[in-house]
Amino acid sequence: MSQGSLPGFEPAQPNDRLFLAIFPDAHHAEQLATRAAAHLADHRSISGATEASRLHVTVFHLGDYTELPPGLVTSATQALSALAAKPFTIRFDQIGSFSHRQPSGPLVLTASEGNEELRALHTQLAMHLRASALGQWTRGSFEPHMTVAYNASTTPFERIAPISWPAGEVVLVHSLLVKTRHIRLASQPLQSAMSG
C-alpha cells in the first residue's frame, strides 16, 4: 500500500492560485455577465453565470499551491512591473465550450479573430516572466477567452453580437480557491506613450 493511500497521507488539495489577468471595469463586467446569463437561459442551463466582479481574462496561470512558494510573488511582481504597453480594446464575438468530451464544463467568451494587442501583451509578458525565472509558465498556446460560467452544459461555439471593453491594467491575483476569493497583489497600468 502506498503512503499516499494511507489515512492521513492523502495528497493536500491546493488552496492558492496565482495568475496574471485583465479585469473589465464594473460597467462592462455587468454587460458581460448579463450576456452570459441570457445565453444560459436560452439553453436552459442550470448553471449560473460567474459573478461580474470575478470576470477576467487570464494572461498567465502561475500555478496552484497548498501555500504560495517563497519568492514567487516577488518574481511575478518583478515581471509584471517590466511590462510596457498601451491601453487597448478586447473584443469577443463567440460563446461556447472549448471541449465537448464532457457533458458539462466552462462556458467561455472568445473571438473568431483579432485581439492582436492582447496577444502582443502576452508575448511581451512571457519574455519578462522568463527573465524572472518563471519561464515554466510561459509554455503552451494562448487563446484569449473569458470564462463566464462553470459546470455549464457544453455547447458548440456560436456567434454573438460583438462586445468590446477596454483593457487598462494587468493584475497579479492570489486566488483563494476554496473561498472563491480574489486578492489583488500588484497591478501594472497600461499607459499611452508620453509625448515629447
N, C-alpha and C. Protein backbone atom coordinates (compact mmCIF):
# COMPACT_ATOMS: atom_id res chain seq x y z
N MET A 1 0.86 -1.19 0.00
CA MET A 1 0.00 0.00 0.00
C MET A 1 0.89 1.24 0.00
N SER A 2 0.63 2.14 -0.92
CA SER A 2 1.46 3.33 -1.00
C SER A 2 1.12 4.29 0.12
N GLN A 3 2.11 5.13 0.45
CA GLN A 3 1.90 6.09 1.53
C GLN A 3 0.73 7.01 1.19
N GLY A 4 0.58 7.31 -0.10
CA GLY A 4 -0.48 8.23 -0.49
C GLY A 4 -1.87 7.68 -0.25
N SER A 5 -2.00 6.33 -0.09
CA SER A 5 -3.32 5.76 0.11
C SER A 5 -3.62 5.50 1.59
N LEU A 6 -2.65 5.74 2.47
CA LEU A 6 -2.88 5.55 3.89
C LEU A 6 -3.68 6.71 4.47
N PRO A 7 -4.54 6.43 5.47
CA PRO A 7 -5.27 7.52 6.11
C PRO A 7 -4.30 8.54 6.68
N GLY A 8 -4.61 9.81 6.44
CA GLY A 8 -3.75 10.88 6.93
C GLY A 8 -2.64 11.25 5.97
N PHE A 9 -2.52 10.50 4.86
CA PHE A 9 -1.48 10.81 3.88
C PHE A 9 -2.07 11.16 2.52
N GLU A 10 -3.33 11.56 2.49
CA GLU A 10 -3.94 11.96 1.23
C GLU A 10 -3.23 13.21 0.71
N PRO A 11 -3.05 13.31 -0.61
CA PRO A 11 -2.40 14.50 -1.17
C PRO A 11 -3.17 15.76 -0.78
N ALA A 12 -2.42 16.76 -0.38
CA ALA A 12 -3.05 18.02 0.02
C ALA A 12 -3.68 18.69 -1.20
N GLN A 13 -4.87 19.22 -1.02
CA GLN A 13 -5.56 19.92 -2.11
C GLN A 13 -5.06 21.36 -2.17
N PRO A 14 -4.77 21.86 -3.37
CA PRO A 14 -4.31 23.24 -3.48
C PRO A 14 -5.35 24.22 -2.94
N ASN A 15 -4.87 25.21 -2.22
CA ASN A 15 -5.73 26.27 -1.70
C ASN A 15 -5.49 27.59 -2.41
N ASP A 16 -4.30 27.73 -3.00
CA ASP A 16 -3.86 29.02 -3.51
C ASP A 16 -3.51 28.93 -5.00
N ARG A 17 -3.98 29.91 -5.74
CA ARG A 17 -3.66 30.00 -7.17
C ARG A 17 -3.11 31.40 -7.42
N LEU A 18 -2.11 31.47 -8.27
CA LEU A 18 -1.55 32.77 -8.65
C LEU A 18 -1.70 32.92 -10.16
N PHE A 19 -2.19 34.08 -10.59
CA PHE A 19 -2.32 34.31 -12.02
C PHE A 19 -2.26 35.79 -12.35
N LEU A 20 -1.96 36.08 -13.61
CA LEU A 20 -1.95 37.43 -14.15
C LEU A 20 -3.17 37.57 -15.05
N ALA A 21 -3.91 38.66 -14.88
CA ALA A 21 -5.17 38.77 -15.60
C ALA A 21 -5.53 40.22 -15.89
N ILE A 22 -6.48 40.36 -16.79
CA ILE A 22 -7.08 41.66 -17.10
C ILE A 22 -8.56 41.58 -16.74
N PHE A 23 -9.01 42.52 -15.92
CA PHE A 23 -10.39 42.56 -15.48
C PHE A 23 -11.14 43.69 -16.20
N PRO A 24 -12.38 43.46 -16.60
CA PRO A 24 -13.16 44.57 -17.16
C PRO A 24 -13.60 45.52 -16.04
N ASP A 25 -13.88 46.75 -16.41
CA ASP A 25 -14.43 47.68 -15.42
C ASP A 25 -15.84 47.22 -15.05
N ALA A 26 -16.39 47.80 -13.99
CA ALA A 26 -17.67 47.32 -13.45
C ALA A 26 -18.80 47.38 -14.47
N HIS A 27 -18.85 48.45 -15.26
CA HIS A 27 -19.92 48.61 -16.25
C HIS A 27 -19.88 47.48 -17.29
N HIS A 28 -18.70 47.25 -17.84
CA HIS A 28 -18.59 46.21 -18.86
C HIS A 28 -18.70 44.81 -18.26
N ALA A 29 -18.26 44.64 -17.02
CA ALA A 29 -18.40 43.34 -16.36
C ALA A 29 -19.88 42.97 -16.24
N GLU A 30 -20.72 43.94 -15.91
CA GLU A 30 -22.15 43.68 -15.81
C GLU A 30 -22.73 43.31 -17.18
N GLN A 31 -22.27 43.98 -18.23
CA GLN A 31 -22.73 43.65 -19.58
C GLN A 31 -22.35 42.22 -19.95
N LEU A 32 -21.11 41.85 -19.64
CA LEU A 32 -20.63 40.51 -19.96
C LEU A 32 -21.41 39.45 -19.18
N ALA A 33 -21.66 39.72 -17.89
CA ALA A 33 -22.41 38.77 -17.07
C ALA A 33 -23.85 38.64 -17.56
N THR A 34 -24.43 39.75 -17.98
CA THR A 34 -25.80 39.72 -18.50
C THR A 34 -25.87 38.91 -19.78
N ARG A 35 -24.87 39.08 -20.65
CA ARG A 35 -24.83 38.32 -21.90
C ARG A 35 -24.72 36.82 -21.61
N ALA A 36 -23.88 36.48 -20.63
CA ALA A 36 -23.72 35.07 -20.27
C ALA A 36 -25.01 34.50 -19.69
N ALA A 37 -25.66 35.26 -18.81
CA ALA A 37 -26.90 34.78 -18.19
C ALA A 37 -27.99 34.55 -19.24
N ALA A 38 -28.05 35.42 -20.24
CA ALA A 38 -29.04 35.26 -21.30
C ALA A 38 -28.77 33.99 -22.11
N HIS A 39 -27.51 33.73 -22.40
CA HIS A 39 -27.15 32.51 -23.14
C HIS A 39 -27.52 31.27 -22.33
N LEU A 40 -27.22 31.28 -21.04
CA LEU A 40 -27.55 30.13 -20.20
C LEU A 40 -29.06 29.91 -20.14
N ALA A 41 -29.81 30.99 -20.05
CA ALA A 41 -31.27 30.87 -20.02
C ALA A 41 -31.80 30.32 -21.35
N ASP A 42 -31.25 30.81 -22.46
CA ASP A 42 -31.69 30.34 -23.77
C ASP A 42 -31.44 28.85 -23.95
N HIS A 43 -30.37 28.35 -23.31
CA HIS A 43 -30.02 26.94 -23.44
C HIS A 43 -30.52 26.11 -22.25
N ARG A 44 -31.36 26.71 -21.44
CA ARG A 44 -31.98 26.05 -20.28
C ARG A 44 -30.94 25.38 -19.38
N SER A 45 -29.81 26.07 -19.22
CA SER A 45 -28.74 25.56 -18.37
C SER A 45 -29.05 25.85 -16.91
N ILE A 46 -28.76 24.89 -16.05
CA ILE A 46 -29.00 25.09 -14.62
C ILE A 46 -27.82 25.82 -13.97
N SER A 47 -26.74 25.99 -14.72
CA SER A 47 -25.57 26.68 -14.19
C SER A 47 -25.83 28.18 -14.15
N GLY A 48 -25.30 28.83 -13.14
CA GLY A 48 -25.41 30.28 -13.04
C GLY A 48 -24.18 30.94 -13.63
N ALA A 49 -24.35 32.17 -14.08
CA ALA A 49 -23.23 32.92 -14.64
C ALA A 49 -22.25 33.31 -13.54
N THR A 50 -20.99 33.42 -13.90
CA THR A 50 -19.96 33.88 -12.97
C THR A 50 -20.28 35.30 -12.51
N GLU A 51 -20.04 35.58 -11.24
CA GLU A 51 -20.28 36.93 -10.73
C GLU A 51 -19.49 37.94 -11.53
N ALA A 52 -20.11 39.08 -11.80
CA ALA A 52 -19.48 40.10 -12.63
C ALA A 52 -18.11 40.51 -12.08
N SER A 53 -17.99 40.60 -10.78
CA SER A 53 -16.73 41.06 -10.18
C SER A 53 -15.59 40.08 -10.35
N ARG A 54 -15.90 38.84 -10.73
CA ARG A 54 -14.87 37.81 -10.88
C ARG A 54 -14.50 37.56 -12.35
N LEU A 55 -15.18 38.21 -13.26
CA LEU A 55 -14.89 38.00 -14.68
C LEU A 55 -13.53 38.59 -15.04
N HIS A 56 -12.75 37.84 -15.80
CA HIS A 56 -11.42 38.29 -16.18
C HIS A 56 -10.90 37.46 -17.34
N VAL A 57 -9.86 37.95 -17.98
CA VAL A 57 -9.11 37.20 -18.98
C VAL A 57 -7.77 36.84 -18.35
N THR A 58 -7.52 35.56 -18.19
CA THR A 58 -6.23 35.13 -17.65
C THR A 58 -5.16 35.27 -18.74
N VAL A 59 -4.10 36.00 -18.42
CA VAL A 59 -2.98 36.15 -19.35
C VAL A 59 -1.95 35.06 -19.10
N PHE A 60 -1.66 34.80 -17.81
CA PHE A 60 -0.79 33.68 -17.44
C PHE A 60 -1.26 33.07 -16.14
N HIS A 61 -1.35 31.75 -16.12
CA HIS A 61 -1.59 30.99 -14.90
C HIS A 61 -0.22 30.64 -14.32
N LEU A 62 -0.01 30.98 -13.04
CA LEU A 62 1.30 30.78 -12.41
C LEU A 62 1.27 29.69 -11.35
N GLY A 63 0.32 28.78 -11.44
CA GLY A 63 0.33 27.59 -10.61
C GLY A 63 -0.69 27.58 -9.48
N ASP A 64 -1.00 26.34 -9.03
CA ASP A 64 -1.86 26.09 -7.86
C ASP A 64 -1.00 25.48 -6.77
N TYR A 65 -1.21 25.93 -5.54
CA TYR A 65 -0.33 25.53 -4.44
C TYR A 65 -1.13 25.32 -3.16
N THR A 66 -0.57 24.50 -2.26
CA THR A 66 -1.14 24.41 -0.92
C THR A 66 -0.72 25.63 -0.10
N GLU A 67 0.36 26.26 -0.53
CA GLU A 67 0.82 27.52 0.06
C GLU A 67 1.74 28.18 -0.97
N LEU A 68 1.59 29.48 -1.19
CA LEU A 68 2.41 30.14 -2.20
C LEU A 68 3.89 30.01 -1.85
N PRO A 69 4.71 29.56 -2.79
CA PRO A 69 6.14 29.39 -2.52
C PRO A 69 6.82 30.73 -2.23
N PRO A 70 7.80 30.73 -1.34
CA PRO A 70 8.56 31.96 -1.06
C PRO A 70 9.21 32.49 -2.33
N GLY A 71 9.10 33.77 -2.54
CA GLY A 71 9.74 34.40 -3.68
C GLY A 71 8.91 34.43 -4.95
N LEU A 72 7.85 33.61 -5.02
CA LEU A 72 7.06 33.55 -6.24
C LEU A 72 6.37 34.89 -6.52
N VAL A 73 5.75 35.45 -5.51
CA VAL A 73 5.04 36.71 -5.70
C VAL A 73 6.03 37.81 -6.08
N THR A 74 7.19 37.81 -5.44
CA THR A 74 8.21 38.82 -5.76
C THR A 74 8.65 38.71 -7.21
N SER A 75 8.91 37.50 -7.67
CA SER A 75 9.34 37.29 -9.05
C SER A 75 8.25 37.68 -10.04
N ALA A 76 7.01 37.32 -9.73
CA ALA A 76 5.90 37.65 -10.62
C ALA A 76 5.67 39.16 -10.66
N THR A 77 5.79 39.80 -9.52
CA THR A 77 5.63 41.26 -9.46
C THR A 77 6.73 41.95 -10.26
N GLN A 78 7.94 41.42 -10.18
CA GLN A 78 9.05 41.98 -10.93
C GLN A 78 8.78 41.88 -12.43
N ALA A 79 8.30 40.74 -12.88
CA ALA A 79 7.98 40.56 -14.30
C ALA A 79 6.88 41.51 -14.73
N LEU A 80 5.86 41.63 -13.90
CA LEU A 80 4.72 42.50 -14.23
C LEU A 80 5.16 43.95 -14.32
N SER A 81 6.03 44.38 -13.43
CA SER A 81 6.44 45.78 -13.40
C SER A 81 7.26 46.17 -14.63
N ALA A 82 7.83 45.18 -15.33
CA ALA A 82 8.61 45.45 -16.53
C ALA A 82 7.73 45.63 -17.76
N LEU A 83 6.45 45.34 -17.65
CA LEU A 83 5.54 45.43 -18.78
C LEU A 83 5.33 46.88 -19.18
N ALA A 84 5.42 47.14 -20.47
CA ALA A 84 5.17 48.48 -21.01
C ALA A 84 4.27 48.34 -22.23
N ALA A 85 3.01 48.69 -22.08
CA ALA A 85 2.05 48.54 -23.18
C ALA A 85 0.99 49.63 -23.09
N LYS A 86 0.43 49.96 -24.24
CA LYS A 86 -0.62 50.97 -24.30
C LYS A 86 -1.98 50.33 -24.02
N PRO A 87 -2.96 51.12 -23.58
CA PRO A 87 -4.32 50.58 -23.43
C PRO A 87 -4.84 50.09 -24.77
N PHE A 88 -5.71 49.10 -24.72
CA PHE A 88 -6.29 48.56 -25.95
C PHE A 88 -7.67 48.01 -25.63
N THR A 89 -8.34 47.55 -26.67
CA THR A 89 -9.70 47.03 -26.53
C THR A 89 -9.70 45.52 -26.75
N ILE A 90 -10.41 44.82 -25.89
CA ILE A 90 -10.61 43.38 -26.04
C ILE A 90 -12.01 43.18 -26.62
N ARG A 91 -12.11 42.30 -27.58
CA ARG A 91 -13.38 42.09 -28.29
C ARG A 91 -13.69 40.60 -28.36
N PHE A 92 -14.92 40.24 -27.99
CA PHE A 92 -15.38 38.87 -28.10
C PHE A 92 -16.62 38.82 -29.00
N ASP A 93 -16.73 37.76 -29.81
CA ASP A 93 -17.91 37.63 -30.67
C ASP A 93 -18.39 36.18 -30.77
N GLN A 94 -17.94 35.33 -29.82
CA GLN A 94 -18.38 33.93 -29.80
C GLN A 94 -18.59 33.49 -28.36
N ILE A 95 -19.50 32.55 -28.17
CA ILE A 95 -19.71 31.96 -26.85
C ILE A 95 -19.91 30.46 -27.04
N GLY A 96 -19.31 29.67 -26.15
CA GLY A 96 -19.44 28.22 -26.25
C GLY A 96 -18.43 27.52 -25.36
N SER A 97 -18.15 26.25 -25.68
CA SER A 97 -17.27 25.42 -24.86
C SER A 97 -16.08 24.97 -25.69
N PHE A 98 -14.89 24.95 -25.08
CA PHE A 98 -13.70 24.50 -25.78
C PHE A 98 -13.73 23.01 -26.06
N SER A 99 -14.30 22.22 -25.15
CA SER A 99 -14.31 20.77 -25.30
C SER A 99 -15.72 20.23 -25.15
N HIS A 100 -16.07 19.27 -26.00
CA HIS A 100 -17.39 18.64 -25.92
C HIS A 100 -17.28 17.19 -25.43
N ARG A 101 -16.11 16.83 -24.88
CA ARG A 101 -15.93 15.45 -24.43
C ARG A 101 -16.66 15.18 -23.13
N GLN A 102 -16.97 16.23 -22.39
CA GLN A 102 -17.71 16.09 -21.14
C GLN A 102 -19.08 16.73 -21.29
N PRO A 103 -20.07 16.26 -20.55
CA PRO A 103 -21.41 16.85 -20.67
C PRO A 103 -21.49 18.27 -20.13
N SER A 104 -20.55 18.63 -19.24
CA SER A 104 -20.56 19.98 -18.70
C SER A 104 -19.12 20.48 -18.55
N GLY A 105 -18.98 21.79 -18.46
CA GLY A 105 -17.66 22.39 -18.33
C GLY A 105 -17.77 23.90 -18.40
N PRO A 106 -16.65 24.59 -18.51
CA PRO A 106 -16.68 26.05 -18.57
C PRO A 106 -17.35 26.56 -19.85
N LEU A 107 -18.11 27.62 -19.69
CA LEU A 107 -18.68 28.36 -20.81
C LEU A 107 -17.83 29.60 -20.98
N VAL A 108 -17.35 29.85 -22.20
CA VAL A 108 -16.41 30.95 -22.39
C VAL A 108 -16.83 31.87 -23.52
N LEU A 109 -16.40 33.11 -23.39
CA LEU A 109 -16.46 34.07 -24.48
C LEU A 109 -15.09 34.07 -25.15
N THR A 110 -15.07 34.14 -26.47
CA THR A 110 -13.81 34.21 -27.20
C THR A 110 -14.05 34.98 -28.49
N ALA A 111 -13.03 35.04 -29.33
CA ALA A 111 -13.14 35.82 -30.56
C ALA A 111 -12.83 34.96 -31.77
N SER A 112 -13.53 35.21 -32.85
CA SER A 112 -13.26 34.49 -34.09
C SER A 112 -11.97 34.98 -34.74
N GLU A 113 -11.57 36.21 -34.42
CA GLU A 113 -10.34 36.78 -34.94
C GLU A 113 -10.00 38.03 -34.13
N GLY A 114 -8.81 38.56 -34.37
CA GLY A 114 -8.45 39.82 -33.73
C GLY A 114 -7.77 39.66 -32.38
N ASN A 115 -7.89 40.70 -31.56
CA ASN A 115 -7.24 40.79 -30.24
C ASN A 115 -5.72 40.71 -30.36
N GLU A 116 -5.18 41.33 -31.43
CA GLU A 116 -3.73 41.30 -31.64
C GLU A 116 -2.97 41.98 -30.51
N GLU A 117 -3.53 43.10 -29.98
CA GLU A 117 -2.83 43.81 -28.90
C GLU A 117 -2.73 42.93 -27.66
N LEU A 118 -3.77 42.18 -27.38
CA LEU A 118 -3.73 41.27 -26.23
C LEU A 118 -2.70 40.18 -26.45
N ARG A 119 -2.62 39.65 -27.64
CA ARG A 119 -1.62 38.63 -27.94
C ARG A 119 -0.20 39.20 -27.84
N ALA A 120 -0.02 40.45 -28.28
CA ALA A 120 1.29 41.08 -28.18
C ALA A 120 1.67 41.30 -26.71
N LEU A 121 0.69 41.68 -25.89
CA LEU A 121 0.96 41.85 -24.46
C LEU A 121 1.37 40.52 -23.84
N HIS A 122 0.69 39.45 -24.23
CA HIS A 122 1.02 38.11 -23.73
C HIS A 122 2.45 37.75 -24.10
N THR A 123 2.85 38.03 -25.33
CA THR A 123 4.21 37.71 -25.79
C THR A 123 5.24 38.50 -24.99
N GLN A 124 4.98 39.80 -24.78
CA GLN A 124 5.93 40.61 -24.03
C GLN A 124 6.03 40.14 -22.58
N LEU A 125 4.88 39.85 -21.98
CA LEU A 125 4.89 39.43 -20.58
C LEU A 125 5.59 38.08 -20.42
N ALA A 126 5.47 37.22 -21.41
CA ALA A 126 6.18 35.94 -21.37
C ALA A 126 7.69 36.16 -21.30
N MET A 127 8.17 37.13 -22.05
CA MET A 127 9.59 37.45 -22.04
C MET A 127 10.02 37.90 -20.63
N HIS A 128 9.21 38.74 -19.98
CA HIS A 128 9.55 39.23 -18.65
C HIS A 128 9.46 38.12 -17.61
N LEU A 129 8.52 37.20 -17.77
CA LEU A 129 8.42 36.07 -16.85
C LEU A 129 9.65 35.17 -16.97
N ARG A 130 10.11 34.95 -18.20
CA ARG A 130 11.31 34.13 -18.38
C ARG A 130 12.52 34.81 -17.75
N ALA A 131 12.59 36.13 -17.86
CA ALA A 131 13.71 36.86 -17.25
C ALA A 131 13.66 36.82 -15.73
N SER A 132 12.47 36.55 -15.18
CA SER A 132 12.31 36.45 -13.72
C SER A 132 12.28 35.00 -13.25
N ALA A 133 12.81 34.09 -14.05
CA ALA A 133 12.90 32.66 -13.71
C ALA A 133 11.54 32.00 -13.56
N LEU A 134 10.54 32.49 -14.31
CA LEU A 134 9.21 31.89 -14.28
C LEU A 134 8.82 31.39 -15.67
N GLY A 135 9.84 31.01 -16.43
CA GLY A 135 9.61 30.58 -17.81
C GLY A 135 8.77 29.32 -17.94
N GLN A 136 8.70 28.50 -16.88
CA GLN A 136 7.92 27.26 -16.97
C GLN A 136 6.43 27.54 -17.19
N TRP A 137 6.00 28.75 -16.86
CA TRP A 137 4.58 29.09 -17.00
C TRP A 137 4.28 29.74 -18.35
N THR A 138 5.28 29.86 -19.20
CA THR A 138 5.07 30.53 -20.48
C THR A 138 4.94 29.55 -21.64
N ARG A 139 4.98 28.25 -21.35
CA ARG A 139 4.86 27.26 -22.42
C ARG A 139 3.40 27.09 -22.80
N GLY A 140 3.18 26.62 -23.99
CA GLY A 140 1.81 26.37 -24.43
C GLY A 140 1.25 27.54 -25.21
N SER A 141 0.10 27.30 -25.82
CA SER A 141 -0.54 28.32 -26.65
C SER A 141 -1.41 29.24 -25.81
N PHE A 142 -1.79 30.34 -26.39
CA PHE A 142 -2.63 31.33 -25.71
C PHE A 142 -3.84 31.61 -26.57
N GLU A 143 -5.01 31.30 -26.06
CA GLU A 143 -6.27 31.58 -26.75
C GLU A 143 -7.08 32.51 -25.86
N PRO A 144 -7.10 33.82 -26.18
CA PRO A 144 -7.82 34.77 -25.33
C PRO A 144 -9.27 34.36 -25.13
N HIS A 145 -9.69 34.30 -23.88
CA HIS A 145 -11.07 33.94 -23.56
C HIS A 145 -11.43 34.41 -22.16
N MET A 146 -12.70 34.40 -21.88
CA MET A 146 -13.21 34.75 -20.56
C MET A 146 -14.22 33.68 -20.15
N THR A 147 -13.99 33.04 -19.01
CA THR A 147 -14.94 32.05 -18.50
C THR A 147 -16.10 32.78 -17.84
N VAL A 148 -17.31 32.55 -18.36
CA VAL A 148 -18.49 33.27 -17.85
C VAL A 148 -19.43 32.36 -17.08
N ALA A 149 -19.15 31.06 -17.05
CA ALA A 149 -19.92 30.12 -16.24
C ALA A 149 -19.13 28.83 -16.09
N TYR A 150 -19.29 28.18 -14.96
CA TYR A 150 -18.64 26.90 -14.70
C TYR A 150 -19.71 25.81 -14.63
N ASN A 151 -19.33 24.59 -14.98
CA ASN A 151 -20.25 23.45 -14.93
C ASN A 151 -21.52 23.71 -15.75
N ALA A 152 -21.34 24.40 -16.87
CA ALA A 152 -22.46 24.62 -17.79
C ALA A 152 -22.50 23.48 -18.81
N SER A 153 -23.66 23.24 -19.38
CA SER A 153 -23.76 22.23 -20.43
C SER A 153 -22.88 22.65 -21.60
N THR A 154 -22.07 21.72 -22.10
CA THR A 154 -21.17 22.06 -23.19
C THR A 154 -21.96 22.30 -24.48
N THR A 155 -21.57 23.34 -25.19
CA THR A 155 -22.24 23.72 -26.44
C THR A 155 -21.20 24.14 -27.46
N PRO A 156 -21.47 23.91 -28.73
CA PRO A 156 -20.54 24.40 -29.77
C PRO A 156 -20.50 25.93 -29.73
N PHE A 157 -19.42 26.49 -30.25
CA PHE A 157 -19.34 27.94 -30.31
C PHE A 157 -20.37 28.50 -31.29
N GLU A 158 -20.98 29.60 -30.91
CA GLU A 158 -21.91 30.30 -31.78
C GLU A 158 -21.58 31.78 -31.75
N ARG A 159 -21.85 32.43 -32.87
CA ARG A 159 -21.56 33.86 -32.97
C ARG A 159 -22.57 34.65 -32.15
N ILE A 160 -22.10 35.72 -31.56
CA ILE A 160 -22.96 36.65 -30.83
C ILE A 160 -22.64 38.06 -31.30
N ALA A 161 -23.50 39.00 -30.98
CA ALA A 161 -23.22 40.39 -31.28
C ALA A 161 -21.92 40.76 -30.56
N PRO A 162 -20.96 41.34 -31.26
CA PRO A 162 -19.66 41.63 -30.63
C PRO A 162 -19.81 42.50 -29.38
N ILE A 163 -19.02 42.19 -28.38
CA ILE A 163 -18.96 43.00 -27.18
C ILE A 163 -17.50 43.35 -26.92
N SER A 164 -17.23 44.63 -26.77
CA SER A 164 -15.86 45.11 -26.58
C SER A 164 -15.73 45.84 -25.26
N TRP A 165 -14.53 45.79 -24.69
CA TRP A 165 -14.29 46.50 -23.43
C TRP A 165 -12.82 46.88 -23.33
N PRO A 166 -12.53 47.98 -22.63
CA PRO A 166 -11.17 48.49 -22.59
C PRO A 166 -10.30 47.78 -21.55
N ALA A 167 -9.08 47.45 -21.96
CA ALA A 167 -8.10 46.87 -21.04
C ALA A 167 -7.22 48.01 -20.53
N GLY A 168 -7.21 48.21 -19.21
CA GLY A 168 -6.47 49.34 -18.66
C GLY A 168 -5.33 48.97 -17.75
N GLU A 169 -5.29 47.71 -17.29
CA GLU A 169 -4.21 47.28 -16.41
C GLU A 169 -4.14 45.77 -16.39
N VAL A 170 -2.97 45.26 -16.00
CA VAL A 170 -2.79 43.83 -15.78
C VAL A 170 -2.59 43.65 -14.28
N VAL A 171 -3.26 42.66 -13.71
CA VAL A 171 -3.28 42.47 -12.26
C VAL A 171 -2.69 41.11 -11.89
N LEU A 172 -1.85 41.09 -10.86
CA LEU A 172 -1.37 39.85 -10.26
C LEU A 172 -2.35 39.48 -9.16
N VAL A 173 -2.94 38.29 -9.28
CA VAL A 173 -4.03 37.89 -8.38
C VAL A 173 -3.68 36.62 -7.62
N HIS A 174 -3.93 36.66 -6.32
CA HIS A 174 -3.87 35.48 -5.47
C HIS A 174 -5.31 35.03 -5.26
N SER A 175 -5.64 33.87 -5.81
CA SER A 175 -7.00 33.33 -5.69
C SER A 175 -7.05 32.31 -4.57
N LEU A 176 -7.96 32.51 -3.62
CA LEU A 176 -8.22 31.53 -2.56
C LEU A 176 -9.27 30.57 -3.11
N LEU A 177 -8.84 29.39 -3.52
CA LEU A 177 -9.69 28.50 -4.30
C LEU A 177 -10.93 28.06 -3.54
N VAL A 178 -10.77 27.70 -2.27
CA VAL A 178 -11.91 27.21 -1.50
C VAL A 178 -12.93 28.32 -1.26
N LYS A 179 -12.41 29.52 -1.04
CA LYS A 179 -13.29 30.65 -0.72
C LYS A 179 -13.72 31.43 -1.97
N THR A 180 -13.25 31.00 -3.15
CA THR A 180 -13.52 31.70 -4.41
C THR A 180 -13.37 33.21 -4.23
N ARG A 181 -12.22 33.59 -3.70
CA ARG A 181 -11.94 35.00 -3.44
C ARG A 181 -10.67 35.42 -4.16
N HIS A 182 -10.69 36.60 -4.76
CA HIS A 182 -9.53 37.15 -5.45
C HIS A 182 -8.89 38.24 -4.61
N ILE A 183 -7.57 38.16 -4.45
CA ILE A 183 -6.82 39.18 -3.73
C ILE A 183 -5.83 39.80 -4.71
N ARG A 184 -5.96 41.11 -4.94
CA ARG A 184 -5.04 41.81 -5.82
C ARG A 184 -3.72 42.04 -5.09
N LEU A 185 -2.63 41.54 -5.67
CA LEU A 185 -1.32 41.69 -5.06
C LEU A 185 -0.50 42.80 -5.69
N ALA A 186 -0.69 43.01 -6.98
CA ALA A 186 0.04 44.05 -7.70
C ALA A 186 -0.68 44.32 -9.01
N SER A 187 -0.43 45.48 -9.59
CA SER A 187 -1.02 45.80 -10.89
C SER A 187 -0.07 46.68 -11.67
N GLN A 188 -0.19 46.61 -12.97
CA GLN A 188 0.61 47.44 -13.86
C GLN A 188 -0.34 48.12 -14.84
N PRO A 189 -0.46 49.45 -14.76
CA PRO A 189 -1.35 50.15 -15.68
C PRO A 189 -0.81 50.12 -17.11
N LEU A 190 -1.73 50.10 -18.07
CA LEU A 190 -1.37 50.23 -19.47
C LEU A 190 -1.46 51.70 -19.79
N GLN A 191 -0.38 52.28 -20.22
CA GLN A 191 -0.30 53.73 -20.38
C GLN A 191 0.09 54.10 -21.79
N SER A 192 -0.54 55.16 -22.29
CA SER A 192 -0.17 55.69 -23.59
C SER A 192 1.22 56.29 -23.52
N ALA A 193 1.93 56.21 -24.61
CA ALA A 193 3.29 56.76 -24.63
C ALA A 193 3.25 58.26 -24.38
N MET A 194 4.19 58.71 -23.59
CA MET A 194 4.27 60.14 -23.27
C MET A 194 4.76 60.90 -24.50
N SER A 195 4.09 61.98 -24.78
CA SER A 195 4.52 62.81 -25.91
C SER A 195 5.68 63.69 -25.48
N GLY A 196 6.50 64.07 -26.41
CA GLY A 196 7.57 64.94 -26.06
C GLY A 196 8.79 64.58 -26.75
